[in-house]
Every structure is written in C-alpha cells, then in structure tokens.
Amino acid sequence: MAQKTAPDSTRRSERSRRAIYDAALALVGEVGFSKMTIEAIASRAGVGKQTVYRWWPSKGDVLLDAFLDLGGQAHAEANKDGEGADTPYEIPDTGDLEADLKFVLRATVDELVNPKYDAPYRALAAEGMLNPQLGAEFVERLLEPALQLYVKRLRAAQEAGQVAPDVDPRIALELWTGPVAQRWLQRTGPLTHEYADRLVEYALHGITPR
C-alpha cells in the first residue's frame, strides 16, 4: 500500500508553523524583541533553526506573521457561533455613525490593553521604525487594511449625508486613531472606553460651542 506522505508532510509543516508562531509570541513577551533570537524560537518550538529560516528571513518576519495569525484566530473565535468566521473584518453600519465608530474604537482599545497583543504589537511597531522593509510590511499587511475599514464606513456615511462630501476619509480617521496610537505607544494616559468615546465625539462634533 502506498504511503500518503503528502498529507502527513502538510500536517507536520502546519504543526511546526503553529509551534513557531506560539514560540515567537511567548518569547517576545518574556524576554523582549531585542533578546529574542531565531535560535530561541526554534528551540522553543522544537524545530531546527533552518526550518525557521526556510520560511522567514528574520525574527521580525516571524513575529509579524505570528501576530497576523493571532488576530485571525481571535476573529474566528469571535465568530465561531455565527457566519462571519471566514469573512473580512468590517465596521458595523447600523446607520448611526457615532455609535459604530465608538463600537470599533472601544474594541481597538480592548485589544491594545490586552497583554496577549501588547508585547508583540509594540515590538513590531518599534522594529518597523528601524527596519524599513519590515516597517513597510507592517503598514501594508496590518495597519492599512484596518484603516481602510474606517475609510469604507466613512464613505458610506458620506453617501448617507452624515459626513460632508468634501471630507477626505483617510485624513478624517486619523482624528481618533492617531490619538489612540499615540497614547498607547507613549503611555501618556489610560486607554479606556470613555477615552475612545470622547475622541469620536470630538472628531464628529468639534470642540467649539455650537
């Protein structure tokens, strides 16, 4: 009887890949990005370092893929009882722009203050400043897709007459995403739902008396 080597090989590769992801995420939280090495990732994952190098050129690339996979798992888990596990992220469109923006910005705050996401996200943000290639991938694969969800929602609001037609959605979204990112990166204050709500309110209604 012929051996079914291909399926077994595929399963082994997937197990190794998952172990490498888990190892990278664990190590960056335990020792930090600067002390994390390919050798340490391989040892923690129970694979040879050449296995890691075969798939990724650097520890930053490993961590980026691991972090993206972590977000995908969270999305699938959140939608396991519904029909959205395999669909792209979307900002809800209930017809109430303010409520929808508060909902998604609160979710962003919850993710940023979650220790599971905090260490790898900070490591990628910092390393992306020093490594232009990784920084470009970080923006292209992680940040920009998330920001484009805001663009899509704001354009829908423009079509509904809820946002002025001459507003550039790509600039407007920075009124609330920018302050959240700055407060998180620099730890200038607590990240809370209340803070997220105020940002949305100030962005939509302004700060001068009406």
N, C-alpha and C. Protein backbone atom coordinates (compact mmCIF):
# COMPACT_ATOMS: atom_id res chain seq x y z
N MET A 1 0.85 -1.20 0.00
CA MET A 1 0.00 0.00 0.00
C MET A 1 0.88 1.25 0.00
N ALA A 2 0.58 2.17 -0.90
CA ALA A 2 1.38 3.39 -1.00
C ALA A 2 1.18 4.25 0.23
N GLN A 3 2.25 4.85 0.72
CA GLN A 3 2.15 5.73 1.87
C GLN A 3 1.67 7.11 1.45
N LYS A 4 0.82 7.69 2.28
CA LYS A 4 0.28 9.02 1.98
C LYS A 4 1.21 10.06 2.62
N THR A 5 2.34 10.27 1.96
CA THR A 5 3.36 11.15 2.54
C THR A 5 2.97 12.62 2.47
N ALA A 6 2.29 13.04 1.40
CA ALA A 6 1.98 14.46 1.23
C ALA A 6 1.09 15.00 2.34
N PRO A 7 -0.05 14.35 2.64
CA PRO A 7 -0.88 14.86 3.73
C PRO A 7 -0.14 14.90 5.06
N ASP A 8 0.65 13.85 5.35
CA ASP A 8 1.39 13.82 6.61
C ASP A 8 2.40 14.96 6.66
N SER A 9 3.09 15.19 5.54
CA SER A 9 4.06 16.27 5.47
C SER A 9 3.38 17.62 5.68
N THR A 10 2.21 17.78 5.09
CA THR A 10 1.47 19.04 5.25
C THR A 10 1.09 19.27 6.69
N ARG A 11 0.63 18.20 7.34
CA ARG A 11 0.23 18.33 8.75
C ARG A 11 1.44 18.64 9.62
N ARG A 12 2.56 17.99 9.33
CA ARG A 12 3.77 18.27 10.10
C ARG A 12 4.21 19.71 9.92
N SER A 13 4.14 20.20 8.68
CA SER A 13 4.54 21.58 8.42
C SER A 13 3.63 22.56 9.15
N GLU A 14 2.33 22.26 9.16
CA GLU A 14 1.40 23.15 9.85
C GLU A 14 1.64 23.12 11.35
N ARG A 15 1.92 21.94 11.90
CA ARG A 15 2.22 21.86 13.33
C ARG A 15 3.48 22.64 13.67
N SER A 16 4.50 22.52 12.82
CA SER A 16 5.75 23.26 13.03
C SER A 16 5.51 24.76 12.94
N ARG A 17 4.75 25.17 11.95
CA ARG A 17 4.46 26.60 11.77
C ARG A 17 3.73 27.15 12.99
N ARG A 18 2.74 26.39 13.46
CA ARG A 18 1.98 26.83 14.63
C ARG A 18 2.88 26.89 15.86
N ALA A 19 3.76 25.93 16.02
CA ALA A 19 4.67 25.93 17.16
C ALA A 19 5.62 27.12 17.10
N ILE A 20 6.05 27.47 15.90
CA ILE A 20 6.94 28.62 15.74
C ILE A 20 6.21 29.92 16.07
N TYR A 21 4.98 30.04 15.61
CA TYR A 21 4.18 31.22 15.96
C TYR A 21 4.05 31.34 17.48
N ASP A 22 3.66 30.26 18.11
CA ASP A 22 3.45 30.28 19.57
C ASP A 22 4.75 30.64 20.30
N ALA A 23 5.86 30.09 19.80
CA ALA A 23 7.15 30.35 20.43
C ALA A 23 7.54 31.82 20.31
N ALA A 24 7.35 32.39 19.14
CA ALA A 24 7.71 33.79 18.93
C ALA A 24 6.87 34.71 19.80
N LEU A 25 5.58 34.45 19.88
CA LEU A 25 4.69 35.29 20.68
C LEU A 25 5.02 35.17 22.17
N ALA A 26 5.35 33.97 22.60
CA ALA A 26 5.68 33.77 24.01
C ALA A 26 7.01 34.44 24.35
N LEU A 27 8.00 34.28 23.50
CA LEU A 27 9.32 34.81 23.79
C LEU A 27 9.36 36.33 23.78
N VAL A 28 8.64 36.96 22.86
CA VAL A 28 8.67 38.41 22.82
C VAL A 28 8.06 39.01 24.09
N GLY A 29 7.11 38.27 24.70
CA GLY A 29 6.54 38.72 25.95
C GLY A 29 7.45 38.46 27.14
N GLU A 30 8.24 37.41 27.05
CA GLU A 30 9.10 37.02 28.18
C GLU A 30 10.44 37.74 28.19
N VAL A 31 11.09 37.85 27.04
CA VAL A 31 12.44 38.42 27.01
C VAL A 31 12.55 39.69 26.20
N GLY A 32 11.50 40.04 25.46
CA GLY A 32 11.56 41.22 24.61
C GLY A 32 12.12 40.91 23.24
N PHE A 33 11.85 41.81 22.28
CA PHE A 33 12.25 41.55 20.91
C PHE A 33 13.76 41.54 20.74
N SER A 34 14.46 42.44 21.43
CA SER A 34 15.91 42.55 21.23
C SER A 34 16.65 41.28 21.65
N LYS A 35 16.14 40.58 22.66
CA LYS A 35 16.80 39.37 23.15
C LYS A 35 16.25 38.10 22.50
N MET A 36 15.18 38.23 21.78
CA MET A 36 14.61 37.07 21.09
C MET A 36 15.45 36.76 19.85
N THR A 37 15.76 35.49 19.66
CA THR A 37 16.57 35.08 18.51
C THR A 37 15.87 33.97 17.74
N ILE A 38 16.31 33.77 16.51
CA ILE A 38 15.80 32.67 15.70
C ILE A 38 16.09 31.34 16.40
N GLU A 39 17.28 31.24 16.97
CA GLU A 39 17.67 30.01 17.66
C GLU A 39 16.73 29.73 18.84
N ALA A 40 16.40 30.79 19.59
CA ALA A 40 15.49 30.62 20.73
C ALA A 40 14.10 30.23 20.27
N ILE A 41 13.65 30.82 19.19
CA ILE A 41 12.33 30.48 18.64
C ILE A 41 12.32 29.01 18.23
N ALA A 42 13.35 28.59 17.51
CA ALA A 42 13.42 27.21 17.04
C ALA A 42 13.46 26.24 18.21
N SER A 43 14.26 26.55 19.22
CA SER A 43 14.37 25.67 20.38
C SER A 43 13.04 25.57 21.10
N ARG A 44 12.39 26.70 21.29
CA ARG A 44 11.10 26.72 21.98
C ARG A 44 10.04 25.94 21.19
N ALA A 45 10.11 26.05 19.87
CA ALA A 45 9.13 25.38 19.01
C ALA A 45 9.44 23.90 18.78
N GLY A 46 10.67 23.48 19.14
CA GLY A 46 11.06 22.09 18.93
C GLY A 46 11.37 21.77 17.49
N VAL A 47 11.91 22.77 16.76
CA VAL A 47 12.29 22.55 15.36
C VAL A 47 13.73 23.03 15.18
N GLY A 48 14.34 22.68 14.06
CA GLY A 48 15.67 23.16 13.75
C GLY A 48 15.61 24.60 13.26
N LYS A 49 16.66 25.37 13.50
CA LYS A 49 16.62 26.78 13.10
C LYS A 49 16.52 26.93 11.58
N GLN A 50 17.02 25.93 10.83
CA GLN A 50 16.91 26.00 9.38
C GLN A 50 15.45 25.92 8.93
N THR A 51 14.63 25.27 9.74
CA THR A 51 13.20 25.23 9.43
C THR A 51 12.61 26.63 9.50
N VAL A 52 13.02 27.39 10.51
CA VAL A 52 12.54 28.76 10.64
C VAL A 52 13.06 29.60 9.47
N TYR A 53 14.35 29.50 9.18
CA TYR A 53 14.94 30.30 8.10
C TYR A 53 14.38 29.92 6.74
N ARG A 54 13.89 28.70 6.59
CA ARG A 54 13.32 28.30 5.31
C ARG A 54 12.04 29.09 5.00
N TRP A 55 11.34 29.50 6.05
CA TRP A 55 10.08 30.21 5.86
C TRP A 55 10.19 31.72 6.08
N TRP A 56 11.12 32.15 6.91
CA TRP A 56 11.22 33.58 7.23
C TRP A 56 12.68 34.02 7.24
N PRO A 57 12.97 35.21 6.70
CA PRO A 57 14.35 35.69 6.67
C PRO A 57 14.83 36.30 7.99
N SER A 58 13.90 36.66 8.88
CA SER A 58 14.31 37.32 10.12
C SER A 58 13.28 37.06 11.22
N LYS A 59 13.68 37.35 12.45
CA LYS A 59 12.76 37.17 13.57
C LYS A 59 11.60 38.16 13.49
N GLY A 60 11.84 39.33 12.89
CA GLY A 60 10.75 40.28 12.73
C GLY A 60 9.67 39.76 11.81
N ASP A 61 10.08 39.08 10.74
CA ASP A 61 9.11 38.49 9.81
C ASP A 61 8.32 37.37 10.48
N VAL A 62 9.00 36.58 11.32
CA VAL A 62 8.30 35.54 12.07
C VAL A 62 7.24 36.17 12.95
N LEU A 63 7.62 37.20 13.69
CA LEU A 63 6.70 37.82 14.63
C LEU A 63 5.52 38.47 13.92
N LEU A 64 5.77 39.10 12.78
CA LEU A 64 4.68 39.72 12.03
C LEU A 64 3.65 38.69 11.59
N ASP A 65 4.12 37.58 11.03
CA ASP A 65 3.20 36.52 10.62
C ASP A 65 2.47 35.92 11.83
N ALA A 66 3.19 35.76 12.93
CA ALA A 66 2.57 35.20 14.13
C ALA A 66 1.48 36.13 14.65
N PHE A 67 1.75 37.44 14.61
CA PHE A 67 0.78 38.41 15.12
C PHE A 67 -0.45 38.48 14.21
N LEU A 68 -0.24 38.43 12.92
CA LEU A 68 -1.36 38.42 11.99
C LEU A 68 -2.21 37.17 12.19
N ASP A 69 -1.54 36.04 12.41
CA ASP A 69 -2.26 34.79 12.65
C ASP A 69 -3.05 34.87 13.95
N LEU A 70 -2.46 35.52 14.97
CA LEU A 70 -3.15 35.67 16.25
C LEU A 70 -4.43 36.46 16.08
N GLY A 71 -4.37 37.53 15.28
CA GLY A 71 -5.57 38.30 15.02
C GLY A 71 -6.61 37.51 14.26
N GLY A 72 -6.16 36.68 13.31
CA GLY A 72 -7.08 35.84 12.57
C GLY A 72 -7.77 34.82 13.45
N GLN A 73 -7.02 34.25 14.40
CA GLN A 73 -7.61 33.30 15.33
C GLN A 73 -8.66 33.96 16.20
N ALA A 74 -8.36 35.18 16.66
CA ALA A 74 -9.31 35.90 17.51
C ALA A 74 -10.59 36.20 16.74
N HIS A 75 -10.45 36.56 15.46
CA HIS A 75 -11.62 36.85 14.63
C HIS A 75 -12.47 35.59 14.45
N ALA A 76 -11.79 34.47 14.18
CA ALA A 76 -12.52 33.22 14.00
C ALA A 76 -13.21 32.79 15.29
N GLU A 77 -12.54 32.97 16.43
CA GLU A 77 -13.13 32.61 17.71
C GLU A 77 -14.35 33.47 18.02
N ALA A 78 -14.25 34.75 17.71
CA ALA A 78 -15.36 35.66 17.98
C ALA A 78 -16.58 35.33 17.13
N ASN A 79 -16.34 34.71 15.97
CA ASN A 79 -17.44 34.42 15.05
C ASN A 79 -17.75 32.94 14.93
N LYS A 80 -17.27 32.14 15.87
CA LYS A 80 -17.43 30.69 15.73
C LYS A 80 -18.88 30.25 15.80
N ASP A 81 -19.72 31.05 16.43
CA ASP A 81 -21.13 30.68 16.52
C ASP A 81 -21.98 31.36 15.45
N GLY A 82 -21.30 32.13 14.59
CA GLY A 82 -22.04 32.82 13.54
C GLY A 82 -21.52 32.45 12.17
N GLU A 83 -21.76 33.34 11.22
CA GLU A 83 -21.38 33.06 9.85
C GLU A 83 -20.18 33.88 9.41
N GLY A 84 -19.54 34.62 10.34
CA GLY A 84 -18.52 35.55 9.92
C GLY A 84 -17.09 35.09 10.12
N ALA A 85 -16.87 33.84 10.48
CA ALA A 85 -15.51 33.40 10.82
C ALA A 85 -14.55 33.51 9.64
N ASP A 86 -15.06 33.33 8.42
CA ASP A 86 -14.17 33.36 7.26
C ASP A 86 -14.34 34.63 6.42
N THR A 87 -15.05 35.63 6.96
CA THR A 87 -15.27 36.86 6.23
C THR A 87 -14.34 37.94 6.74
N PRO A 88 -14.03 38.96 5.92
CA PRO A 88 -13.13 40.02 6.36
C PRO A 88 -13.74 40.82 7.51
N TYR A 89 -12.87 41.47 8.26
CA TYR A 89 -13.34 42.37 9.30
C TYR A 89 -14.15 43.48 8.66
N GLU A 90 -15.16 43.94 9.37
CA GLU A 90 -15.95 45.07 8.90
C GLU A 90 -16.34 45.92 10.09
N ILE A 91 -16.46 47.22 9.86
CA ILE A 91 -17.04 48.10 10.86
C ILE A 91 -18.54 48.07 10.65
N PRO A 92 -19.33 47.85 11.70
CA PRO A 92 -20.77 47.75 11.53
C PRO A 92 -21.35 49.03 10.94
N ASP A 93 -22.41 48.88 10.18
CA ASP A 93 -23.12 50.03 9.63
C ASP A 93 -24.58 49.93 10.07
N THR A 94 -24.84 50.50 11.23
CA THR A 94 -26.20 50.48 11.78
C THR A 94 -27.01 51.69 11.35
N GLY A 95 -26.33 52.62 10.65
CA GLY A 95 -26.97 53.87 10.30
C GLY A 95 -26.62 54.97 11.29
N ASP A 96 -26.05 54.59 12.42
CA ASP A 96 -25.63 55.55 13.46
C ASP A 96 -24.10 55.59 13.44
N LEU A 97 -23.52 56.56 12.74
CA LEU A 97 -22.07 56.62 12.56
C LEU A 97 -21.35 56.75 13.90
N GLU A 98 -21.83 57.59 14.76
CA GLU A 98 -21.16 57.79 16.05
C GLU A 98 -21.12 56.50 16.85
N ALA A 99 -22.22 55.80 16.92
CA ALA A 99 -22.28 54.54 17.67
C ALA A 99 -21.35 53.49 17.05
N ASP A 100 -21.33 53.44 15.73
CA ASP A 100 -20.49 52.45 15.06
C ASP A 100 -19.00 52.72 15.30
N LEU A 101 -18.60 53.99 15.24
CA LEU A 101 -17.20 54.34 15.46
C LEU A 101 -16.81 54.08 16.91
N LYS A 102 -17.69 54.38 17.84
CA LYS A 102 -17.40 54.11 19.24
C LYS A 102 -17.24 52.60 19.47
N PHE A 103 -18.08 51.84 18.83
CA PHE A 103 -18.03 50.38 18.99
C PHE A 103 -16.67 49.83 18.57
N VAL A 104 -16.21 50.24 17.37
CA VAL A 104 -14.96 49.67 16.87
C VAL A 104 -13.75 50.26 17.59
N LEU A 105 -13.81 51.52 18.00
CA LEU A 105 -12.67 52.10 18.70
C LEU A 105 -12.55 51.51 20.10
N ARG A 106 -13.67 51.21 20.73
CA ARG A 106 -13.62 50.51 22.02
C ARG A 106 -12.96 49.15 21.85
N ALA A 107 -13.31 48.44 20.78
CA ALA A 107 -12.71 47.13 20.53
C ALA A 107 -11.21 47.26 20.30
N THR A 108 -10.80 48.33 19.63
CA THR A 108 -9.37 48.57 19.42
C THR A 108 -8.66 48.79 20.74
N VAL A 109 -9.26 49.59 21.61
CA VAL A 109 -8.70 49.83 22.94
C VAL A 109 -8.57 48.52 23.72
N ASP A 110 -9.60 47.71 23.67
CA ASP A 110 -9.56 46.42 24.38
C ASP A 110 -8.40 45.56 23.89
N GLU A 111 -8.15 45.58 22.59
CA GLU A 111 -7.06 44.78 22.03
C GLU A 111 -5.70 45.34 22.46
N LEU A 112 -5.56 46.65 22.42
CA LEU A 112 -4.27 47.26 22.75
C LEU A 112 -3.88 47.05 24.21
N VAL A 113 -4.85 47.00 25.10
CA VAL A 113 -4.52 46.82 26.52
C VAL A 113 -4.46 45.35 26.91
N ASN A 114 -4.74 44.46 25.97
CA ASN A 114 -4.66 43.02 26.24
C ASN A 114 -3.20 42.59 26.18
N PRO A 115 -2.64 42.04 27.27
CA PRO A 115 -1.23 41.64 27.29
C PRO A 115 -0.85 40.70 26.15
N LYS A 116 -1.78 39.91 25.69
CA LYS A 116 -1.51 38.97 24.60
C LYS A 116 -1.09 39.70 23.32
N TYR A 117 -1.65 40.88 23.10
CA TYR A 117 -1.34 41.64 21.90
C TYR A 117 -0.30 42.73 22.13
N ASP A 118 -0.22 43.22 23.35
CA ASP A 118 0.59 44.41 23.63
C ASP A 118 2.06 44.22 23.29
N ALA A 119 2.69 43.17 23.82
CA ALA A 119 4.13 42.98 23.62
C ALA A 119 4.50 42.79 22.15
N PRO A 120 3.85 41.89 21.42
CA PRO A 120 4.24 41.73 20.01
C PRO A 120 3.93 42.96 19.17
N TYR A 121 2.83 43.63 19.47
CA TYR A 121 2.47 44.83 18.70
C TYR A 121 3.50 45.93 18.91
N ARG A 122 3.91 46.14 20.17
CA ARG A 122 4.92 47.16 20.47
C ARG A 122 6.25 46.81 19.79
N ALA A 123 6.60 45.53 19.84
CA ALA A 123 7.85 45.10 19.22
C ALA A 123 7.85 45.36 17.72
N LEU A 124 6.74 45.06 17.07
CA LEU A 124 6.65 45.27 15.63
C LEU A 124 6.65 46.75 15.29
N ALA A 125 5.96 47.55 16.09
CA ALA A 125 5.94 49.00 15.84
C ALA A 125 7.33 49.59 15.99
N ALA A 126 8.05 49.17 17.03
CA ALA A 126 9.39 49.70 17.27
C ALA A 126 10.37 49.22 16.21
N GLU A 127 10.36 47.94 15.91
CA GLU A 127 11.29 47.39 14.93
C GLU A 127 11.01 47.94 13.54
N GLY A 128 9.73 48.21 13.26
CA GLY A 128 9.38 48.78 11.97
C GLY A 128 9.98 50.15 11.74
N MET A 129 10.29 50.87 12.82
CA MET A 129 10.94 52.18 12.71
C MET A 129 12.40 52.03 12.32
N LEU A 130 13.02 50.92 12.71
CA LEU A 130 14.45 50.69 12.45
C LEU A 130 14.69 49.89 11.18
N ASN A 131 13.72 49.07 10.82
CA ASN A 131 13.84 48.19 9.67
C ASN A 131 12.82 48.61 8.61
N PRO A 132 13.22 49.39 7.62
CA PRO A 132 12.28 49.93 6.63
C PRO A 132 11.46 48.85 5.93
N GLN A 133 12.09 47.72 5.61
CA GLN A 133 11.36 46.67 4.90
C GLN A 133 10.27 46.08 5.78
N LEU A 134 10.62 45.77 7.04
CA LEU A 134 9.61 45.24 7.96
C LEU A 134 8.56 46.30 8.24
N GLY A 135 9.00 47.56 8.37
CA GLY A 135 8.04 48.64 8.62
C GLY A 135 7.02 48.76 7.50
N ALA A 136 7.48 48.62 6.26
CA ALA A 136 6.57 48.70 5.11
C ALA A 136 5.58 47.54 5.13
N GLU A 137 6.06 46.35 5.47
CA GLU A 137 5.17 45.20 5.56
C GLU A 137 4.17 45.35 6.70
N PHE A 138 4.65 45.90 7.82
CA PHE A 138 3.80 46.15 8.98
C PHE A 138 2.63 47.05 8.60
N VAL A 139 2.94 48.12 7.86
CA VAL A 139 1.89 49.04 7.42
C VAL A 139 0.98 48.39 6.40
N GLU A 140 1.58 47.73 5.39
CA GLU A 140 0.80 47.16 4.29
C GLU A 140 -0.11 46.02 4.74
N ARG A 141 0.39 45.15 5.60
CA ARG A 141 -0.34 43.94 5.95
C ARG A 141 -1.19 44.08 7.22
N LEU A 142 -0.84 45.03 8.08
CA LEU A 142 -1.53 45.12 9.36
C LEU A 142 -2.27 46.44 9.53
N LEU A 143 -1.57 47.56 9.41
CA LEU A 143 -2.20 48.85 9.70
C LEU A 143 -3.16 49.31 8.61
N GLU A 144 -2.69 49.34 7.37
CA GLU A 144 -3.51 49.91 6.31
C GLU A 144 -4.83 49.17 6.08
N PRO A 145 -4.85 47.83 6.10
CA PRO A 145 -6.14 47.16 5.95
C PRO A 145 -7.14 47.55 7.03
N ALA A 146 -6.66 47.75 8.26
CA ALA A 146 -7.55 48.17 9.33
C ALA A 146 -8.06 49.59 9.10
N LEU A 147 -7.18 50.47 8.65
CA LEU A 147 -7.59 51.85 8.40
C LEU A 147 -8.57 51.95 7.23
N GLN A 148 -8.41 51.08 6.25
CA GLN A 148 -9.32 51.11 5.11
C GLN A 148 -10.75 50.73 5.50
N LEU A 149 -10.90 50.02 6.60
CA LEU A 149 -12.25 49.72 7.08
C LEU A 149 -12.95 51.01 7.52
N TYR A 150 -12.19 51.91 8.15
CA TYR A 150 -12.74 53.21 8.51
C TYR A 150 -13.09 54.01 7.26
N VAL A 151 -12.21 53.97 6.27
CA VAL A 151 -12.47 54.68 5.03
C VAL A 151 -13.79 54.22 4.41
N LYS A 152 -13.98 52.91 4.37
CA LYS A 152 -15.20 52.35 3.79
C LYS A 152 -16.43 52.82 4.56
N ARG A 153 -16.34 52.80 5.89
CA ARG A 153 -17.50 53.20 6.71
C ARG A 153 -17.79 54.70 6.55
N LEU A 154 -16.75 55.51 6.50
CA LEU A 154 -16.95 56.96 6.34
C LEU A 154 -17.51 57.30 4.97
N ARG A 155 -17.09 56.58 3.96
CA ARG A 155 -17.66 56.82 2.63
C ARG A 155 -19.14 56.47 2.59
N ALA A 156 -19.51 55.41 3.28
CA ALA A 156 -20.93 55.06 3.37
C ALA A 156 -21.70 56.17 4.09
N ALA A 157 -21.07 56.74 5.13
CA ALA A 157 -21.71 57.84 5.85
C ALA A 157 -21.85 59.07 4.96
N GLN A 158 -20.85 59.31 4.09
CA GLN A 158 -20.96 60.42 3.15
C GLN A 158 -22.12 60.21 2.19
N GLU A 159 -22.27 58.99 1.72
CA GLU A 159 -23.37 58.69 0.80
C GLU A 159 -24.72 58.87 1.49
N ALA A 160 -24.75 58.67 2.81
CA ALA A 160 -25.99 58.83 3.56
C ALA A 160 -26.20 60.26 4.02
N GLY A 161 -25.27 61.16 3.68
CA GLY A 161 -25.41 62.55 4.07
C GLY A 161 -25.03 62.83 5.50
N GLN A 162 -24.31 61.91 6.15
CA GLN A 162 -23.92 62.09 7.55
C GLN A 162 -22.54 62.72 7.70
N VAL A 163 -21.77 62.75 6.63
CA VAL A 163 -20.45 63.35 6.63
C VAL A 163 -20.36 64.25 5.40
N ALA A 164 -19.75 65.42 5.57
CA ALA A 164 -19.63 66.37 4.47
C ALA A 164 -18.94 65.72 3.27
N PRO A 165 -19.43 65.99 2.07
CA PRO A 165 -18.89 65.31 0.88
C PRO A 165 -17.45 65.66 0.56
N ASP A 166 -16.95 66.81 1.06
CA ASP A 166 -15.58 67.19 0.75
C ASP A 166 -14.57 66.69 1.77
N VAL A 167 -15.03 65.93 2.76
CA VAL A 167 -14.12 65.37 3.76
C VAL A 167 -13.34 64.20 3.16
N ASP A 168 -12.03 64.17 3.40
CA ASP A 168 -11.19 63.05 2.98
C ASP A 168 -11.22 62.00 4.10
N PRO A 169 -11.87 60.85 3.87
CA PRO A 169 -11.98 59.84 4.94
C PRO A 169 -10.64 59.38 5.48
N ARG A 170 -9.62 59.31 4.60
CA ARG A 170 -8.31 58.81 5.03
C ARG A 170 -7.64 59.77 6.02
N ILE A 171 -7.94 61.07 5.88
CA ILE A 171 -7.43 62.04 6.84
C ILE A 171 -8.31 62.08 8.08
N ALA A 172 -9.62 62.04 7.88
CA ALA A 172 -10.55 62.15 8.99
C ALA A 172 -10.37 61.06 10.04
N LEU A 173 -10.09 59.84 9.61
CA LEU A 173 -9.96 58.73 10.56
C LEU A 173 -8.80 58.93 11.53
N GLU A 174 -7.82 59.75 11.12
CA GLU A 174 -6.68 59.98 11.99
C GLU A 174 -7.04 60.84 13.19
N LEU A 175 -8.21 61.46 13.16
CA LEU A 175 -8.63 62.28 14.29
C LEU A 175 -8.86 61.44 15.54
N TRP A 176 -9.20 60.15 15.35
CA TRP A 176 -9.38 59.30 16.53
C TRP A 176 -8.38 58.15 16.60
N THR A 177 -7.96 57.62 15.46
CA THR A 177 -6.97 56.54 15.52
C THR A 177 -5.59 57.05 15.93
N GLY A 178 -5.24 58.26 15.49
CA GLY A 178 -3.94 58.82 15.82
C GLY A 178 -3.75 59.01 17.32
N PRO A 179 -4.69 59.68 18.00
CA PRO A 179 -4.54 59.86 19.45
C PRO A 179 -4.49 58.54 20.23
N VAL A 180 -5.27 57.55 19.80
CA VAL A 180 -5.23 56.25 20.47
C VAL A 180 -3.84 55.63 20.34
N ALA A 181 -3.29 55.66 19.13
CA ALA A 181 -1.97 55.09 18.91
C ALA A 181 -0.90 55.83 19.72
N GLN A 182 -1.00 57.14 19.76
CA GLN A 182 0.00 57.91 20.49
C GLN A 182 -0.07 57.64 21.99
N ARG A 183 -1.28 57.62 22.53
CA ARG A 183 -1.42 57.36 23.96
C ARG A 183 -0.93 55.96 24.31
N TRP A 184 -1.18 55.00 23.43
CA TRP A 184 -0.75 53.63 23.69
C TRP A 184 0.77 53.51 23.60
N LEU A 185 1.36 54.08 22.55
CA LEU A 185 2.80 53.96 22.35
C LEU A 185 3.58 54.69 23.44
N GLN A 186 3.14 55.88 23.80
CA GLN A 186 3.90 56.70 24.74
C GLN A 186 3.41 56.57 26.18
N ARG A 187 2.32 55.82 26.38
CA ARG A 187 1.78 55.61 27.72
C ARG A 187 1.53 56.95 28.44
N THR A 188 0.91 57.87 27.71
CA THR A 188 0.66 59.20 28.28
C THR A 188 -0.61 59.26 29.11
N GLY A 189 -1.38 58.19 29.11
CA GLY A 189 -2.62 58.17 29.88
C GLY A 189 -3.32 56.84 29.70
N PRO A 190 -4.35 56.59 30.49
CA PRO A 190 -5.05 55.31 30.39
C PRO A 190 -5.86 55.20 29.10
N LEU A 191 -5.90 54.00 28.55
CA LEU A 191 -6.74 53.72 27.39
C LEU A 191 -8.03 53.09 27.89
N THR A 192 -9.12 53.80 27.77
CA THR A 192 -10.40 53.33 28.27
C THR A 192 -11.48 53.53 27.22
N HIS A 193 -12.63 52.91 27.47
CA HIS A 193 -13.78 53.13 26.58
C HIS A 193 -14.22 54.58 26.62
N GLU A 194 -14.15 55.18 27.79
CA GLU A 194 -14.56 56.58 27.92
C GLU A 194 -13.69 57.48 27.05
N TYR A 195 -12.39 57.21 27.06
CA TYR A 195 -11.46 57.98 26.24
C TYR A 195 -11.79 57.80 24.76
N ALA A 196 -12.04 56.57 24.34
CA ALA A 196 -12.39 56.30 22.95
C ALA A 196 -13.66 57.05 22.56
N ASP A 197 -14.65 57.05 23.43
CA ASP A 197 -15.91 57.74 23.14
C ASP A 197 -15.70 59.24 22.96
N ARG A 198 -14.86 59.84 23.83
CA ARG A 198 -14.62 61.28 23.73
C ARG A 198 -13.94 61.62 22.40
N LEU A 199 -12.99 60.79 21.97
CA LEU A 199 -12.32 61.05 20.71
C LEU A 199 -13.31 61.08 19.55
N VAL A 200 -14.21 60.12 19.53
CA VAL A 200 -15.20 60.06 18.46
C VAL A 200 -16.10 61.29 18.52
N GLU A 201 -16.54 61.65 19.71
CA GLU A 201 -17.43 62.80 19.86
C GLU A 201 -16.75 64.09 19.43
N TYR A 202 -15.49 64.29 19.85
CA TYR A 202 -14.77 65.49 19.47
C TYR A 202 -14.55 65.54 17.96
N ALA A 203 -14.24 64.38 17.37
CA ALA A 203 -13.98 64.34 15.94
C ALA A 203 -15.24 64.66 15.13
N LEU A 204 -16.37 64.15 15.56
CA LEU A 204 -17.60 64.32 14.82
C LEU A 204 -18.28 65.66 15.07
N HIS A 205 -18.15 66.17 16.30
CA HIS A 205 -18.91 67.36 16.67
C HIS A 205 -18.04 68.58 16.94
N GLY A 206 -16.72 68.42 16.99
CA GLY A 206 -15.86 69.56 17.23
C GLY A 206 -15.75 69.90 18.72
N ILE A 207 -14.95 70.91 19.02
CA ILE A 207 -14.75 71.29 20.42
C ILE A 207 -15.17 72.74 20.70
N THR A 208 -15.68 73.43 19.69
CA THR A 208 -16.14 74.80 19.92
C THR A 208 -17.64 74.80 20.20
N PRO A 209 -18.14 75.80 20.92
CA PRO A 209 -19.59 75.85 21.22
C PRO A 209 -20.42 75.90 19.94
N ARG A 210 -21.55 75.24 19.98
CA ARG A 210 -22.45 75.25 18.84
C ARG A 210 -23.68 76.07 19.14
